[in-house]
């Protein structure tokens, strides 16, 4: 919950947080 790239990857592992993780990853890539 609000950590970094690692947290996002962990969330991706869980289907429930898959969407949330995707959003976090995209946000990280954005400037």
PDB file of N, CA and C in Angstrom:
ATOM      1  N   UNK A   1       0.847  -1.208   0.000  1.00  0.00           N
ATOM      2  CA  UNK A   1       0.000   0.000   0.000  1.00  0.00           C
ATOM      3  C   UNK A   1       0.878   1.252   0.000  1.00  0.00           C
ATOM      4  N   UNK A   2       1.091   1.856  -1.132  1.00  0.00           N
ATOM      5  CA  UNK A   2       1.894   3.070  -1.177  1.00  0.00           C
ATOM      6  C   UNK A   2       3.321   2.787  -0.753  1.00  0.00           C
ATOM      7  N   UNK A   3       4.103   2.185  -1.660  1.00  0.00           N
ATOM      8  CA  UNK A   3       5.496   1.885  -1.293  1.00  0.00           C
ATOM      9  C   UNK A   3       6.424   2.253  -2.435  1.00  0.00           C
ATOM     10  N   UNK A   4       6.506   1.378  -3.423  1.00  0.00           N
ATOM     11  CA  UNK A   4       7.369   1.672  -4.570  1.00  0.00           C
ATOM     12  C   UNK A   4       7.147   0.638  -5.654  1.00  0.00           C
ATOM     13  N   UNK A   5       8.113   0.490  -6.537  1.00  0.00           N
ATOM     14  CA  UNK A   5       7.959  -0.479  -7.619  1.00  0.00           C
ATOM     15  C   UNK A   5       7.757  -1.877  -7.034  1.00  0.00           C
ATOM     16  N   UNK A   6       8.506  -2.200  -5.983  1.00  0.00           N
ATOM     17  CA  UNK A   6       8.383  -3.526  -5.373  1.00  0.00           C
ATOM     18  C   UNK A   6       6.944  -3.770  -4.942  1.00  0.00           C
ATOM     19  N   UNK A   7       6.346  -2.801  -4.260  1.00  0.00           N
ATOM     20  CA  UNK A   7       4.968  -2.963  -3.788  1.00  0.00           C
ATOM     21  C   UNK A   7       4.052  -3.223  -4.976  1.00  0.00           C
ATOM     22  N   UNK A   8       4.271  -2.503  -6.058  1.00  0.00           N
ATOM     23  CA  UNK A   8       3.419  -2.667  -7.231  1.00  0.00           C
ATOM     24  C   UNK A   8       3.540  -4.101  -7.751  1.00  0.00           C
ATOM     25  N   UNK A   9       4.761  -4.599  -7.851  1.00  0.00           N
ATOM     26  CA  UNK A   9       4.940  -5.963  -8.351  1.00  0.00           C
ATOM     27  C   UNK A   9       4.213  -6.958  -7.449  1.00  0.00           C
ATOM     28  N   UNK A  10       4.312  -6.769  -6.151  1.00  0.00           N
ATOM     29  CA  UNK A  10       3.641  -7.681  -5.217  1.00  0.00           C
ATOM     30  C   UNK A  10       2.132  -7.636  -5.461  1.00  0.00           C
ATOM     31  N   UNK A  11       1.599  -6.429  -5.632  1.00  0.00           N
ATOM     32  CA  UNK A  11       0.162  -6.277  -5.859  1.00  0.00           C
ATOM     33  C   UNK A  11      -0.224  -7.009  -7.143  1.00  0.00           C
ATOM     34  N   UNK A  12       0.613  -6.913  -8.162  1.00  0.00           N
ATOM     35  CA  UNK A  12       0.309  -7.580  -9.429  1.00  0.00           C
ATOM     36  C   UNK A  12       0.141  -9.077  -9.182  1.00  0.00           C
ATOM     37  N   UNK A  13       0.918  -9.606  -8.264  1.00  0.00           N
ATOM     38  CA  UNK A  13       0.818 -11.031  -7.951  1.00  0.00           C
ATOM     39  C   UNK A  13      -0.602 -11.373  -7.521  1.00  0.00           C
ATOM     40  N   UNK A  14      -1.241 -10.458  -6.818  1.00  0.00           N
ATOM     41  CA  UNK A  14      -2.610 -10.713  -6.356  1.00  0.00           C
ATOM     42  C   UNK A  14      -3.604 -10.184  -7.378  1.00  0.00           C
ATOM     43  N   UNK A  15      -4.446 -11.078  -7.895  1.00  0.00           N
ATOM     44  CA  UNK A  15      -5.412 -10.642  -8.909  1.00  0.00           C
ATOM     45  C   UNK A  15      -6.286  -9.521  -8.378  1.00  0.00           C
ATOM     46  N   UNK A  16      -6.632  -9.576  -7.106  1.00  0.00           N
ATOM     47  CA  UNK A  16      -7.512  -8.552  -6.538  1.00  0.00           C
ATOM     48  C   UNK A  16      -6.892  -7.164  -6.675  1.00  0.00           C
ATOM     49  N   UNK A  17      -5.578  -7.071  -6.471  1.00  0.00           N
ATOM     50  CA  UNK A  17      -4.916  -5.766  -6.549  1.00  0.00           C
ATOM     51  C   UNK A  17      -4.262  -5.563  -7.914  1.00  0.00           C
ATOM     52  N   UNK A  18      -4.590  -6.440  -8.863  1.00  0.00           N
ATOM     53  CA  UNK A  18      -3.971  -6.328 -10.185  1.00  0.00           C
ATOM     54  C   UNK A  18      -4.235  -4.948 -10.790  1.00  0.00           C
ATOM     55  N   UNK A  19      -5.500  -4.534 -10.802  1.00  0.00           N
ATOM     56  CA  UNK A  19      -5.833  -3.227 -11.388  1.00  0.00           C
ATOM     57  C   UNK A  19      -5.111  -2.113 -10.644  1.00  0.00           C
ATOM     58  N   UNK A  20      -5.159  -2.140  -9.324  1.00  0.00           N
ATOM     59  CA  UNK A  20      -4.507  -1.095  -8.528  1.00  0.00           C
ATOM     60  C   UNK A  20      -3.018  -1.057  -8.851  1.00  0.00           C
ATOM     61  N   UNK A  21      -2.400  -2.224  -8.922  1.00  0.00           N
ATOM     62  CA  UNK A  21      -0.972  -2.288  -9.211  1.00  0.00           C
ATOM     63  C   UNK A  21      -0.696  -1.680 -10.580  1.00  0.00           C
ATOM     64  N   UNK A  22      -1.502  -2.043 -11.571  1.00  0.00           N
ATOM     65  CA  UNK A  22      -1.308  -1.497 -12.917  1.00  0.00           C
ATOM     66  C   UNK A  22      -1.349   0.015 -12.883  1.00  0.00           C
ATOM     67  N   UNK A  23      -2.305   0.580 -12.158  1.00  0.00           N
ATOM     68  CA  UNK A  23      -2.422   2.036 -12.086  1.00  0.00           C
ATOM     69  C   UNK A  23      -1.168   2.616 -11.442  1.00  0.00           C
ATOM     70  N   UNK A  24      -0.688   1.984 -10.386  1.00  0.00           N
ATOM     71  CA  UNK A  24       0.509   2.496  -9.699  1.00  0.00           C
ATOM     72  C   UNK A  24       1.708   2.445 -10.635  1.00  0.00           C
ATOM     73  N   UNK A  25       1.868   1.350 -11.351  1.00  0.00           N
ATOM     74  CA  UNK A  25       3.005   1.209 -12.264  1.00  0.00           C
ATOM     75  C   UNK A  25       2.944   2.297 -13.329  1.00  0.00           C
ATOM     76  N   UNK A  26       1.772   2.489 -13.923  1.00  0.00           N
ATOM     77  CA  UNK A  26       1.624   3.510 -14.965  1.00  0.00           C
ATOM     78  C   UNK A  26       1.967   4.878 -14.396  1.00  0.00           C
ATOM     79  N   UNK A  27       1.481   5.158 -13.193  1.00  0.00           N
ATOM     80  CA  UNK A  27       1.763   6.457 -12.578  1.00  0.00           C
ATOM     81  C   UNK A  27       3.262   6.624 -12.387  1.00  0.00           C
ATOM     82  N   UNK A  28       3.938   5.561 -11.981  1.00  0.00           N
ATOM     83  CA  UNK A  28       5.384   5.641 -11.749  1.00  0.00           C
ATOM     84  C   UNK A  28       6.095   5.981 -13.055  1.00  0.00           C
ATOM     85  N   UNK A  29       5.644   5.398 -14.152  1.00  0.00           N
ATOM     86  CA  UNK A  29       6.288   5.666 -15.433  1.00  0.00           C
ATOM     87  C   UNK A  29       6.053   7.102 -15.864  1.00  0.00           C
ATOM     88  N   UNK A  30       4.894   7.656 -15.514  1.00  0.00           N
ATOM     89  CA  UNK A  30       4.612   9.033 -15.936  1.00  0.00           C
ATOM     90  C   UNK A  30       5.555  10.000 -15.233  1.00  0.00           C
ATOM     91  N   UNK A  31       5.857  11.143 -15.866  1.00  0.00           N
ATOM     92  CA  UNK A  31       6.774  12.138 -15.298  1.00  0.00           C
ATOM     93  C   UNK A  31       6.195  12.809 -14.059  1.00  0.00           C
TER      94      UNK A  31
END
